[in-house]
Amino acid sequence: MTLSPYPYLFATLGNAAHQLPTDIARALETTLTAHQAANTEDGITLLGALRRIRQVDAADGQAWQGRQHTPGQRMTLARIDRANSGLTFLLELLHAAERVRVDGDEAQQLGDDAREGLLLACRGLSEYVDVQLRVA
């Protein structure tokens, strides 16, 4: 996780926050901090959710647990968990599309380009999981 002297700005812009001039970044951070403080009683806020996502939450929205792992390993495991959840959903969608293609109404079928896109997304996610597993 990248540390920033402007955590709200970083949660909003990611690494692009580092490209802003210091005086602009400071002014934006002050505004975002005031906005966050004013809305803390409202429950879940956009900036709070972005901050939690930046802290590498797993597919269930929680930080990866496990004291036996280093922070880097927990980050990698959370990424693997999210990618695996996405891959599972895409494969379920592809499976349903195939059933409709074989047995369903033609009007409900996905086109070849959509099925190809699903296959490419599945391949990309599975390759990403493989890379992350080798890092872990």
N, C-alpha and C. Protein backbone atom coordinates (compact mmCIF):
# COMPACT_ATOMS: atom_id res chain seq x y z
N MET A 1 0.84 -1.17 0.00
CA MET A 1 0.00 0.00 0.00
C MET A 1 0.89 1.24 0.00
N THR A 2 0.57 2.21 -0.85
CA THR A 2 1.34 3.43 -0.94
C THR A 2 0.89 4.39 0.16
N LEU A 3 1.87 4.91 0.90
CA LEU A 3 1.56 5.88 1.94
C LEU A 3 1.58 7.27 1.33
N SER A 4 0.69 8.12 1.77
CA SER A 4 0.60 9.46 1.24
C SER A 4 0.38 10.43 2.38
N PRO A 5 0.96 11.62 2.30
CA PRO A 5 0.67 12.62 3.33
C PRO A 5 -0.76 13.15 3.19
N TYR A 6 -1.44 12.76 2.11
CA TYR A 6 -2.81 13.20 1.83
C TYR A 6 -3.70 11.97 1.65
N PRO A 7 -4.09 11.31 2.74
CA PRO A 7 -4.81 10.04 2.61
C PRO A 7 -6.16 10.13 1.91
N TYR A 8 -6.92 11.21 2.13
CA TYR A 8 -8.22 11.32 1.46
C TYR A 8 -8.04 11.60 -0.04
N LEU A 9 -7.09 12.43 -0.35
CA LEU A 9 -6.80 12.72 -1.75
C LEU A 9 -6.29 11.46 -2.46
N PHE A 10 -5.45 10.69 -1.78
CA PHE A 10 -4.94 9.45 -2.36
C PHE A 10 -6.07 8.44 -2.54
N ALA A 11 -7.00 8.38 -1.57
CA ALA A 11 -8.14 7.46 -1.69
C ALA A 11 -9.01 7.84 -2.88
N THR A 12 -9.04 9.12 -3.22
CA THR A 12 -9.85 9.59 -4.33
C THR A 12 -9.14 9.45 -5.67
N LEU A 13 -7.87 9.80 -5.72
CA LEU A 13 -7.15 9.85 -7.00
C LEU A 13 -6.10 8.76 -7.18
N GLY A 14 -5.78 8.01 -6.14
CA GLY A 14 -4.73 7.01 -6.25
C GLY A 14 -3.38 7.67 -6.43
N ASN A 15 -2.49 7.05 -7.19
CA ASN A 15 -1.13 7.56 -7.37
C ASN A 15 -1.10 8.91 -8.09
N ALA A 16 -2.17 9.26 -8.78
CA ALA A 16 -2.23 10.56 -9.45
C ALA A 16 -2.14 11.71 -8.45
N ALA A 17 -2.48 11.45 -7.19
CA ALA A 17 -2.40 12.49 -6.16
C ALA A 17 -0.97 12.98 -5.99
N HIS A 18 0.01 12.12 -6.24
CA HIS A 18 1.42 12.51 -6.09
C HIS A 18 1.87 13.49 -7.16
N GLN A 19 1.11 13.62 -8.23
CA GLN A 19 1.49 14.51 -9.33
C GLN A 19 0.99 15.94 -9.14
N LEU A 20 0.16 16.16 -8.13
CA LEU A 20 -0.38 17.49 -7.88
C LEU A 20 0.65 18.35 -7.15
N PRO A 21 0.66 19.65 -7.44
CA PRO A 21 1.52 20.55 -6.65
C PRO A 21 1.11 20.51 -5.18
N THR A 22 2.05 20.70 -4.30
CA THR A 22 1.83 20.57 -2.87
C THR A 22 0.72 21.49 -2.37
N ASP A 23 0.69 22.74 -2.81
CA ASP A 23 -0.34 23.67 -2.31
C ASP A 23 -1.74 23.24 -2.74
N ILE A 24 -1.88 22.71 -3.94
CA ILE A 24 -3.19 22.24 -4.40
C ILE A 24 -3.58 20.97 -3.65
N ALA A 25 -2.63 20.06 -3.52
CA ALA A 25 -2.90 18.81 -2.80
C ALA A 25 -3.32 19.09 -1.36
N ARG A 26 -2.63 20.02 -0.70
CA ARG A 26 -2.95 20.36 0.69
C ARG A 26 -4.36 20.95 0.79
N ALA A 27 -4.71 21.85 -0.14
CA ALA A 27 -6.04 22.46 -0.12
C ALA A 27 -7.14 21.42 -0.37
N LEU A 28 -6.92 20.52 -1.32
CA LEU A 28 -7.90 19.47 -1.59
C LEU A 28 -8.04 18.52 -0.40
N GLU A 29 -6.91 18.18 0.22
CA GLU A 29 -6.94 17.28 1.38
C GLU A 29 -7.72 17.93 2.52
N THR A 30 -7.52 19.22 2.74
CA THR A 30 -8.25 19.93 3.79
C THR A 30 -9.75 19.89 3.53
N THR A 31 -10.15 20.11 2.29
CA THR A 31 -11.56 20.06 1.92
C THR A 31 -12.13 18.67 2.11
N LEU A 32 -11.40 17.67 1.64
CA LEU A 32 -11.87 16.29 1.77
C LEU A 32 -11.94 15.86 3.23
N THR A 33 -10.98 16.29 4.04
CA THR A 33 -10.99 15.96 5.46
C THR A 33 -12.20 16.56 6.15
N ALA A 34 -12.50 17.82 5.82
CA ALA A 34 -13.67 18.48 6.42
C ALA A 34 -14.95 17.80 5.99
N HIS A 35 -15.02 17.41 4.73
CA HIS A 35 -16.22 16.72 4.22
C HIS A 35 -16.38 15.38 4.91
N GLN A 36 -15.29 14.65 5.07
CA GLN A 36 -15.34 13.33 5.73
C GLN A 36 -15.78 13.48 7.19
N ALA A 37 -15.22 14.47 7.89
CA ALA A 37 -15.57 14.67 9.30
C ALA A 37 -17.04 15.03 9.44
N ALA A 38 -17.57 15.79 8.50
CA ALA A 38 -18.98 16.19 8.56
C ALA A 38 -19.93 15.02 8.30
N ASN A 39 -19.44 13.98 7.65
CA ASN A 39 -20.32 12.87 7.26
C ASN A 39 -20.02 11.55 7.98
N THR A 40 -19.27 11.58 9.04
CA THR A 40 -18.91 10.33 9.71
C THR A 40 -20.09 9.65 10.38
N GLU A 41 -21.08 10.42 10.82
CA GLU A 41 -22.22 9.80 11.47
C GLU A 41 -23.17 9.15 10.47
N ASP A 42 -23.02 9.43 9.18
CA ASP A 42 -23.92 8.91 8.16
C ASP A 42 -23.63 7.45 7.80
N GLY A 43 -22.64 6.84 8.41
CA GLY A 43 -22.31 5.45 8.09
C GLY A 43 -21.27 5.38 6.99
N ILE A 44 -21.53 4.57 5.99
CA ILE A 44 -20.57 4.36 4.91
C ILE A 44 -20.53 5.59 4.02
N THR A 45 -19.32 6.09 3.79
CA THR A 45 -19.14 7.23 2.90
C THR A 45 -18.29 6.80 1.72
N LEU A 46 -18.35 7.56 0.63
CA LEU A 46 -17.58 7.25 -0.56
C LEU A 46 -16.09 7.25 -0.26
N LEU A 47 -15.62 8.28 0.43
CA LEU A 47 -14.20 8.35 0.73
C LEU A 47 -13.76 7.24 1.69
N GLY A 48 -14.62 6.91 2.63
CA GLY A 48 -14.30 5.81 3.54
C GLY A 48 -14.21 4.49 2.80
N ALA A 49 -15.14 4.26 1.88
CA ALA A 49 -15.11 3.03 1.09
C ALA A 49 -13.87 2.99 0.21
N LEU A 50 -13.53 4.11 -0.41
CA LEU A 50 -12.32 4.15 -1.23
C LEU A 50 -11.08 3.86 -0.40
N ARG A 51 -11.03 4.40 0.81
CA ARG A 51 -9.88 4.18 1.68
C ARG A 51 -9.77 2.69 2.04
N ARG A 52 -10.90 2.07 2.36
CA ARG A 52 -10.87 0.64 2.70
C ARG A 52 -10.45 -0.19 1.49
N ILE A 53 -10.92 0.18 0.31
CA ILE A 53 -10.52 -0.54 -0.90
C ILE A 53 -9.02 -0.38 -1.12
N ARG A 54 -8.50 0.81 -0.91
CA ARG A 54 -7.07 1.05 -1.07
C ARG A 54 -6.26 0.27 -0.04
N GLN A 55 -6.87 -0.10 1.07
CA GLN A 55 -6.18 -0.89 2.09
C GLN A 55 -6.25 -2.37 1.75
N VAL A 56 -6.66 -2.67 0.55
CA VAL A 56 -6.69 -4.01 -0.02
C VAL A 56 -7.64 -4.92 0.75
N ASP A 57 -8.92 -4.69 0.53
CA ASP A 57 -9.89 -5.60 1.10
C ASP A 57 -10.10 -6.78 0.17
N ALA A 58 -10.53 -7.88 0.74
CA ALA A 58 -10.76 -9.10 -0.02
C ALA A 58 -12.14 -9.03 -0.67
N ALA A 59 -12.57 -10.10 -1.29
CA ALA A 59 -13.84 -10.13 -2.01
C ALA A 59 -15.02 -9.86 -1.09
N ASP A 60 -14.88 -10.17 0.20
CA ASP A 60 -15.98 -9.94 1.14
C ASP A 60 -15.97 -8.51 1.70
N GLY A 61 -15.06 -7.67 1.23
CA GLY A 61 -15.00 -6.29 1.68
C GLY A 61 -14.19 -6.07 2.94
N GLN A 62 -13.64 -7.13 3.48
CA GLN A 62 -12.85 -7.03 4.71
C GLN A 62 -11.36 -7.19 4.39
N ALA A 63 -10.52 -6.63 5.24
CA ALA A 63 -9.08 -6.82 5.07
C ALA A 63 -8.75 -8.29 5.28
N TRP A 64 -7.76 -8.79 4.57
CA TRP A 64 -7.37 -10.19 4.69
C TRP A 64 -6.82 -10.41 6.10
N GLN A 65 -7.32 -11.44 6.76
CA GLN A 65 -6.92 -11.72 8.14
C GLN A 65 -5.78 -12.74 8.15
N GLY A 66 -5.03 -12.74 9.19
CA GLY A 66 -3.98 -13.73 9.37
C GLY A 66 -2.71 -13.12 9.90
N ARG A 67 -2.44 -13.36 11.13
CA ARG A 67 -1.24 -12.80 11.75
C ARG A 67 0.02 -13.51 11.27
N GLN A 68 -0.13 -14.71 10.71
CA GLN A 68 1.04 -15.45 10.27
C GLN A 68 1.58 -14.92 8.94
N HIS A 69 0.85 -13.99 8.32
CA HIS A 69 1.27 -13.44 7.04
C HIS A 69 1.79 -12.02 7.21
N THR A 70 2.73 -11.66 6.35
CA THR A 70 3.23 -10.29 6.34
C THR A 70 2.17 -9.39 5.69
N PRO A 71 2.28 -8.07 5.87
CA PRO A 71 1.32 -7.17 5.20
C PRO A 71 1.33 -7.37 3.67
N GLY A 72 2.48 -7.58 3.08
CA GLY A 72 2.56 -7.81 1.65
C GLY A 72 1.86 -9.09 1.23
N GLN A 73 2.00 -10.14 2.03
CA GLN A 73 1.31 -11.40 1.73
C GLN A 73 -0.20 -11.24 1.88
N ARG A 74 -0.64 -10.50 2.91
CA ARG A 74 -2.08 -10.27 3.08
C ARG A 74 -2.64 -9.49 1.89
N MET A 75 -1.87 -8.52 1.38
CA MET A 75 -2.29 -7.75 0.22
C MET A 75 -2.42 -8.68 -0.99
N THR A 76 -1.45 -9.54 -1.18
CA THR A 76 -1.48 -10.47 -2.31
C THR A 76 -2.64 -11.44 -2.18
N LEU A 77 -2.86 -11.97 -1.00
CA LEU A 77 -3.97 -12.91 -0.79
C LEU A 77 -5.32 -12.24 -1.02
N ALA A 78 -5.46 -10.99 -0.60
CA ALA A 78 -6.72 -10.27 -0.84
C ALA A 78 -6.93 -10.06 -2.33
N ARG A 79 -5.86 -9.74 -3.06
CA ARG A 79 -5.98 -9.57 -4.51
C ARG A 79 -6.35 -10.89 -5.19
N ILE A 80 -5.76 -11.97 -4.75
CA ILE A 80 -6.10 -13.29 -5.29
C ILE A 80 -7.56 -13.60 -5.03
N ASP A 81 -8.03 -13.32 -3.81
CA ASP A 81 -9.42 -13.58 -3.44
C ASP A 81 -10.38 -12.79 -4.33
N ARG A 82 -10.09 -11.50 -4.53
CA ARG A 82 -10.95 -10.68 -5.39
C ARG A 82 -10.94 -11.18 -6.83
N ALA A 83 -9.75 -11.46 -7.35
CA ALA A 83 -9.65 -11.93 -8.73
C ALA A 83 -10.36 -13.27 -8.90
N ASN A 84 -10.22 -14.15 -7.92
CA ASN A 84 -10.88 -15.45 -7.99
C ASN A 84 -12.40 -15.30 -7.95
N SER A 85 -12.90 -14.38 -7.14
CA SER A 85 -14.36 -14.13 -7.10
C SER A 85 -14.84 -13.60 -8.44
N GLY A 86 -14.10 -12.69 -9.04
CA GLY A 86 -14.45 -12.17 -10.35
C GLY A 86 -14.42 -13.25 -11.41
N LEU A 87 -13.40 -14.10 -11.35
CA LEU A 87 -13.28 -15.20 -12.31
C LEU A 87 -14.44 -16.17 -12.18
N THR A 88 -14.81 -16.50 -10.94
CA THR A 88 -15.94 -17.41 -10.72
C THR A 88 -17.22 -16.83 -11.31
N PHE A 89 -17.47 -15.53 -11.07
CA PHE A 89 -18.67 -14.91 -11.62
C PHE A 89 -18.66 -14.94 -13.15
N LEU A 90 -17.52 -14.60 -13.76
CA LEU A 90 -17.44 -14.60 -15.22
C LEU A 90 -17.67 -15.99 -15.80
N LEU A 91 -17.13 -17.01 -15.14
CA LEU A 91 -17.34 -18.38 -15.62
C LEU A 91 -18.79 -18.81 -15.47
N GLU A 92 -19.45 -18.40 -14.39
CA GLU A 92 -20.88 -18.70 -14.24
C GLU A 92 -21.69 -18.01 -15.34
N LEU A 93 -21.34 -16.77 -15.64
CA LEU A 93 -22.02 -16.03 -16.70
C LEU A 93 -21.78 -16.70 -18.06
N LEU A 94 -20.55 -17.11 -18.31
CA LEU A 94 -20.22 -17.80 -19.56
C LEU A 94 -20.96 -19.12 -19.66
N HIS A 95 -21.06 -19.85 -18.56
CA HIS A 95 -21.77 -21.12 -18.53
C HIS A 95 -23.26 -20.91 -18.86
N ALA A 96 -23.87 -19.89 -18.23
CA ALA A 96 -25.27 -19.60 -18.50
C ALA A 96 -25.47 -19.19 -19.96
N ALA A 97 -24.54 -18.40 -20.48
CA ALA A 97 -24.64 -17.98 -21.89
C ALA A 97 -24.54 -19.18 -22.82
N GLU A 98 -23.71 -20.13 -22.47
CA GLU A 98 -23.58 -21.34 -23.30
C GLU A 98 -24.86 -22.17 -23.26
N ARG A 99 -25.47 -22.28 -22.08
CA ARG A 99 -26.74 -23.03 -21.99
C ARG A 99 -27.82 -22.37 -22.84
N VAL A 100 -27.87 -21.04 -22.80
CA VAL A 100 -28.85 -20.33 -23.62
C VAL A 100 -28.53 -20.51 -25.10
N ARG A 101 -27.27 -20.50 -25.45
CA ARG A 101 -26.87 -20.68 -26.86
C ARG A 101 -27.32 -22.04 -27.37
N VAL A 102 -27.18 -23.09 -26.54
CA VAL A 102 -27.51 -24.44 -26.96
C VAL A 102 -29.01 -24.70 -26.90
N ASP A 103 -29.66 -24.30 -25.82
CA ASP A 103 -31.05 -24.70 -25.60
C ASP A 103 -32.05 -23.55 -25.54
N GLY A 104 -31.58 -22.31 -25.57
CA GLY A 104 -32.49 -21.19 -25.33
C GLY A 104 -32.99 -20.50 -26.58
N ASP A 105 -33.74 -19.47 -26.31
CA ASP A 105 -34.30 -18.63 -27.35
C ASP A 105 -33.19 -17.79 -27.99
N GLU A 106 -33.22 -17.67 -29.28
CA GLU A 106 -32.18 -16.94 -30.00
C GLU A 106 -32.09 -15.48 -29.56
N ALA A 107 -33.21 -14.89 -29.21
CA ALA A 107 -33.22 -13.49 -28.78
C ALA A 107 -32.47 -13.28 -27.47
N GLN A 108 -32.32 -14.31 -26.66
CA GLN A 108 -31.64 -14.22 -25.37
C GLN A 108 -30.15 -14.53 -25.45
N GLN A 109 -29.67 -14.92 -26.62
CA GLN A 109 -28.28 -15.35 -26.75
C GLN A 109 -27.32 -14.17 -26.82
N LEU A 110 -26.13 -14.39 -26.26
CA LEU A 110 -25.05 -13.42 -26.39
C LEU A 110 -24.40 -13.60 -27.75
N GLY A 111 -23.89 -12.53 -28.30
CA GLY A 111 -23.17 -12.62 -29.57
C GLY A 111 -21.80 -13.24 -29.38
N ASP A 112 -21.19 -13.60 -30.50
CA ASP A 112 -19.85 -14.19 -30.47
C ASP A 112 -18.84 -13.24 -29.81
N ASP A 113 -18.98 -11.95 -30.07
CA ASP A 113 -18.05 -10.99 -29.50
C ASP A 113 -18.16 -10.93 -27.97
N ALA A 114 -19.37 -11.04 -27.43
CA ALA A 114 -19.55 -11.03 -25.97
C ALA A 114 -18.97 -12.29 -25.35
N ARG A 115 -19.20 -13.44 -25.97
CA ARG A 115 -18.63 -14.70 -25.44
C ARG A 115 -17.10 -14.65 -25.51
N GLU A 116 -16.57 -14.13 -26.60
CA GLU A 116 -15.12 -13.98 -26.73
C GLU A 116 -14.58 -13.06 -25.64
N GLY A 117 -15.30 -11.97 -25.37
CA GLY A 117 -14.89 -11.05 -24.30
C GLY A 117 -14.88 -11.71 -22.94
N LEU A 118 -15.89 -12.53 -22.67
CA LEU A 118 -15.93 -13.26 -21.40
C LEU A 118 -14.75 -14.23 -21.29
N LEU A 119 -14.45 -14.93 -22.38
CA LEU A 119 -13.31 -15.86 -22.36
C LEU A 119 -11.99 -15.11 -22.12
N LEU A 120 -11.82 -13.98 -22.78
CA LEU A 120 -10.60 -13.21 -22.60
C LEU A 120 -10.49 -12.68 -21.17
N ALA A 121 -11.61 -12.24 -20.61
CA ALA A 121 -11.59 -11.76 -19.22
C ALA A 121 -11.23 -12.89 -18.26
N CYS A 122 -11.77 -14.08 -18.50
CA CYS A 122 -11.44 -15.25 -17.67
C CYS A 122 -9.96 -15.58 -17.77
N ARG A 123 -9.45 -15.58 -18.98
CA ARG A 123 -8.01 -15.86 -19.17
C ARG A 123 -7.16 -14.83 -18.45
N GLY A 124 -7.53 -13.56 -18.59
CA GLY A 124 -6.75 -12.50 -17.95
C GLY A 124 -6.76 -12.63 -16.44
N LEU A 125 -7.92 -12.90 -15.86
CA LEU A 125 -8.00 -13.05 -14.41
C LEU A 125 -7.24 -14.28 -13.93
N SER A 126 -7.34 -15.38 -14.65
CA SER A 126 -6.63 -16.59 -14.22
C SER A 126 -5.12 -16.38 -14.32
N GLU A 127 -4.65 -15.66 -15.34
CA GLU A 127 -3.22 -15.36 -15.45
C GLU A 127 -2.78 -14.44 -14.31
N TYR A 128 -3.64 -13.49 -13.94
CA TYR A 128 -3.34 -12.59 -12.83
C TYR A 128 -3.23 -13.37 -11.52
N VAL A 129 -4.16 -14.29 -11.29
CA VAL A 129 -4.12 -15.11 -10.08
C VAL A 129 -2.82 -15.90 -10.05
N ASP A 130 -2.42 -16.45 -11.18
CA ASP A 130 -1.17 -17.22 -11.25
C ASP A 130 0.03 -16.35 -10.87
N VAL A 131 0.08 -15.13 -11.39
CA VAL A 131 1.18 -14.23 -11.06
C VAL A 131 1.17 -13.90 -9.58
N GLN A 132 0.00 -13.62 -9.02
CA GLN A 132 -0.09 -13.26 -7.60
C GLN A 132 0.29 -14.45 -6.72
N LEU A 133 -0.09 -15.67 -7.12
CA LEU A 133 0.27 -16.85 -6.33
C LEU A 133 1.79 -17.03 -6.29
N ARG A 134 2.45 -16.72 -7.36
CA ARG A 134 3.91 -16.86 -7.39
C ARG A 134 4.58 -15.81 -6.51
N VAL A 135 3.93 -14.67 -6.33
CA VAL A 135 4.47 -13.62 -5.48
C VAL A 135 4.28 -13.97 -4.00
N ALA A 136 3.14 -14.62 -3.69
CA ALA A 136 2.78 -14.89 -2.29
C ALA A 136 3.71 -15.82 -1.60
